[in-house]
Amino acid sequence: MELQQRIRQQVAREHHELLQPNDPILMMVTMNELLIANYLEQFKAMQEVQQEELRKSLLSVSQQSETVSTQLINRSLVAMQENYETKEKAFAAQLEAAGQNIVEKIGQEVTGLQKTRNTYETVAYSLALICAFILGVVVKSVFWH
């Protein structure tokens, strides 16, 4: 009713015509209000459905991202392990062919490689923690904002 009163006042001001409360044009205003309210309800319902679909999609992407991250980390660890094992075998063959002085030097190299391997494993573990943290931040931002 407030809208109808504002319309009546505006028409009176601009056109110097006073609309009666039962004027048919005001029935059109009421009908339009109802139609707009109906469309607004439908829009809100569609928006809720779309938000739910977006939430599901983001959850799916998050889960896929976690899976891909885990696979990448695992593959990296396997490749690093294989690389280390290949190098370790090559050094072992050299140790057998070399003399006692060479054996001592190669033993020092193996020790250095083991430290490097530990460093690689530490870096890989750190990367895994960073990925997990980033994933947690993404999931948190999706569900708690």
Protein backbone atom coordinates (compact mmCIF):
# COMPACT_ATOMS: atom_id res chain seq x y z
CA MET A 1 0.00 0.00 0.00
CA GLU A 2 2.89 2.35 0.64
CA LEU A 3 3.94 2.08 -3.01
CA GLN A 4 0.43 2.93 -4.17
CA GLN A 5 0.39 6.01 -1.95
CA ARG A 6 3.75 7.13 -3.36
CA ILE A 7 2.45 6.60 -6.90
CA ARG A 8 -0.67 8.64 -6.16
CA GLN A 9 1.45 11.47 -4.71
CA GLN A 10 3.88 11.43 -7.66
CA VAL A 11 1.05 11.48 -10.23
CA ALA A 12 -0.61 14.36 -8.37
CA ARG A 13 2.67 16.28 -8.26
CA GLU A 14 3.65 15.77 -11.90
CA HIS A 15 0.26 15.65 -13.63
CA HIS A 16 -1.97 17.58 -11.24
CA GLU A 17 -4.35 14.61 -11.22
CA LEU A 18 -5.48 12.86 -8.07
CA LEU A 19 -5.84 9.08 -8.43
CA GLN A 20 -8.51 7.50 -6.29
CA PRO A 21 -7.46 4.54 -4.06
CA ASN A 22 -9.68 2.25 -6.14
CA ASP A 23 -8.36 3.46 -9.52
CA PRO A 24 -7.78 0.47 -11.89
CA ILE A 25 -4.23 1.59 -12.61
CA LEU A 26 -3.39 0.90 -8.95
CA MET A 27 -4.67 -2.65 -9.43
CA MET A 28 -1.99 -3.00 -12.11
CA VAL A 29 0.60 -1.79 -9.60
CA THR A 30 -0.55 -4.44 -7.13
CA MET A 31 -0.46 -7.11 -9.83
CA ASN A 32 3.05 -6.04 -10.83
CA GLU A 33 4.20 -6.14 -7.21
CA LEU A 34 2.91 -9.70 -6.91
CA LEU A 35 4.55 -10.76 -10.18
CA ILE A 36 7.85 -9.22 -9.19
CA ALA A 37 7.68 -10.87 -5.75
CA ASN A 38 6.99 -14.22 -7.44
CA TYR A 39 9.90 -13.80 -9.85
CA LEU A 40 12.14 -12.77 -6.96
CA GLU A 41 11.25 -15.95 -5.06
CA GLN A 42 12.00 -18.03 -8.16
CA PHE A 43 15.28 -16.19 -8.67
CA LYS A 44 16.32 -16.80 -5.07
CA ALA A 45 15.46 -20.49 -5.39
CA MET A 46 17.53 -20.77 -8.57
CA GLN A 47 20.36 -18.88 -6.91
CA GLU A 48 20.37 -21.31 -3.98
CA VAL A 49 20.52 -24.25 -6.39
CA GLN A 50 23.39 -22.64 -8.26
CA GLN A 51 25.24 -21.91 -5.03
CA GLU A 52 24.86 -25.54 -3.97
CA GLU A 53 26.10 -26.72 -7.37
CA LEU A 54 29.05 -24.34 -7.10
CA ARG A 55 29.82 -25.60 -3.59
CA LYS A 56 29.75 -29.21 -4.83
CA SER A 57 31.91 -28.29 -7.81
CA LEU A 58 34.46 -26.54 -5.60
CA LEU A 59 34.49 -29.50 -3.23
CA SER A 60 35.09 -31.83 -6.17
CA VAL A 61 37.90 -29.62 -7.48
CA SER A 62 39.40 -29.50 -4.00
CA GLN A 63 39.30 -33.29 -3.70
CA GLN A 64 40.77 -33.72 -7.18
CA SER A 65 43.47 -31.21 -6.32
CA GLU A 66 44.31 -33.17 -3.20
CA THR A 67 44.48 -36.40 -5.20
CA VAL A 68 46.69 -34.86 -7.88
CA SER A 69 48.95 -33.28 -5.25
CA THR A 70 49.33 -36.60 -3.46
CA GLN A 71 50.09 -38.39 -6.74
CA LEU A 72 52.68 -35.79 -7.71
CA ILE A 73 54.37 -36.01 -4.33
CA ASN A 74 54.38 -39.81 -4.42
CA ARG A 75 55.74 -39.89 -7.97
CA SER A 76 58.42 -37.39 -7.01
CA LEU A 77 59.43 -39.49 -4.04
CA VAL A 78 59.57 -42.65 -6.19
CA ALA A 79 61.63 -40.87 -8.86
CA MET A 80 63.99 -39.51 -6.23
CA GLN A 81 64.31 -42.97 -4.69
CA GLU A 82 64.98 -44.56 -8.09
CA ASN A 83 67.48 -41.83 -8.92
CA TYR A 84 69.21 -42.37 -5.62
CA GLU A 85 69.27 -46.13 -6.06
CA THR A 86 70.72 -45.77 -9.56
CA LYS A 87 73.46 -43.49 -8.29
CA GLU A 88 74.11 -45.72 -5.30
CA LYS A 89 74.62 -48.77 -7.58
CA ALA A 90 77.00 -46.83 -9.81
CA PHE A 91 79.07 -45.79 -6.82
CA ALA A 92 79.10 -49.35 -5.47
CA ALA A 93 80.54 -50.62 -8.78
CA GLN A 94 83.23 -47.96 -8.68
CA LEU A 95 84.10 -48.91 -5.11
CA GLU A 96 84.72 -52.53 -6.06
CA ALA A 97 87.14 -51.54 -8.87
CA ALA A 98 89.06 -48.93 -6.91
CA GLY A 99 91.85 -49.26 -4.39
CA GLN A 100 91.72 -48.57 -0.68
CA ASN A 101 92.23 -44.78 -1.08
CA ILE A 102 89.47 -44.64 -3.67
CA VAL A 103 87.24 -46.70 -1.37
CA GLU A 104 87.64 -44.07 1.36
CA LYS A 105 86.86 -41.19 -1.03
CA ILE A 106 83.81 -42.97 -2.47
CA GLY A 107 82.61 -43.77 1.04
CA GLN A 108 82.71 -40.05 1.76
CA GLU A 109 80.73 -39.38 -1.43
CA VAL A 110 78.10 -41.97 -0.44
CA THR A 111 77.76 -40.29 2.93
CA GLY A 112 77.25 -36.97 1.14
CA LEU A 113 74.64 -38.53 -1.12
CA GLN A 114 72.83 -39.97 1.87
CA LYS A 115 72.69 -36.52 3.39
CA THR A 116 71.42 -35.20 0.06
CA ARG A 117 68.80 -37.93 0.00
CA ASN A 118 67.73 -36.96 3.50
CA THR A 119 67.56 -33.36 2.33
CA TYR A 120 65.45 -34.40 -0.68
CA GLU A 121 63.14 -36.39 1.54
CA THR A 122 62.89 -33.47 3.95
CA VAL A 123 62.11 -31.13 1.05
CA ALA A 124 59.51 -33.56 -0.33
CA TYR A 125 57.91 -33.89 3.11
CA SER A 126 57.92 -30.10 3.44
CA LEU A 127 56.29 -29.79 0.02
CA ALA A 128 53.65 -32.29 1.10
CA LEU A 129 52.96 -30.25 4.24
CA ILE A 130 52.80 -27.03 2.21
CA CYS A 131 50.36 -28.62 -0.26
CA ALA A 132 48.24 -29.92 2.60
CA PHE A 133 48.26 -26.48 4.22
CA ILE A 134 47.29 -24.77 0.95
CA LEU A 135 44.55 -27.32 0.43
CA GLY A 136 43.31 -26.68 3.95
CA VAL A 137 43.25 -22.93 3.30
CA VAL A 138 41.33 -23.46 0.04
CA VAL A 139 38.81 -25.77 1.70
CA LYS A 140 38.44 -23.39 4.62
CA SER A 141 37.87 -20.42 2.30
CA VAL A 142 35.27 -22.38 0.35
CA PHE A 143 33.26 -23.55 3.35
CA TRP A 144 33.71 -20.83 5.94
CA HIS A 145 33.28 -17.63 3.93
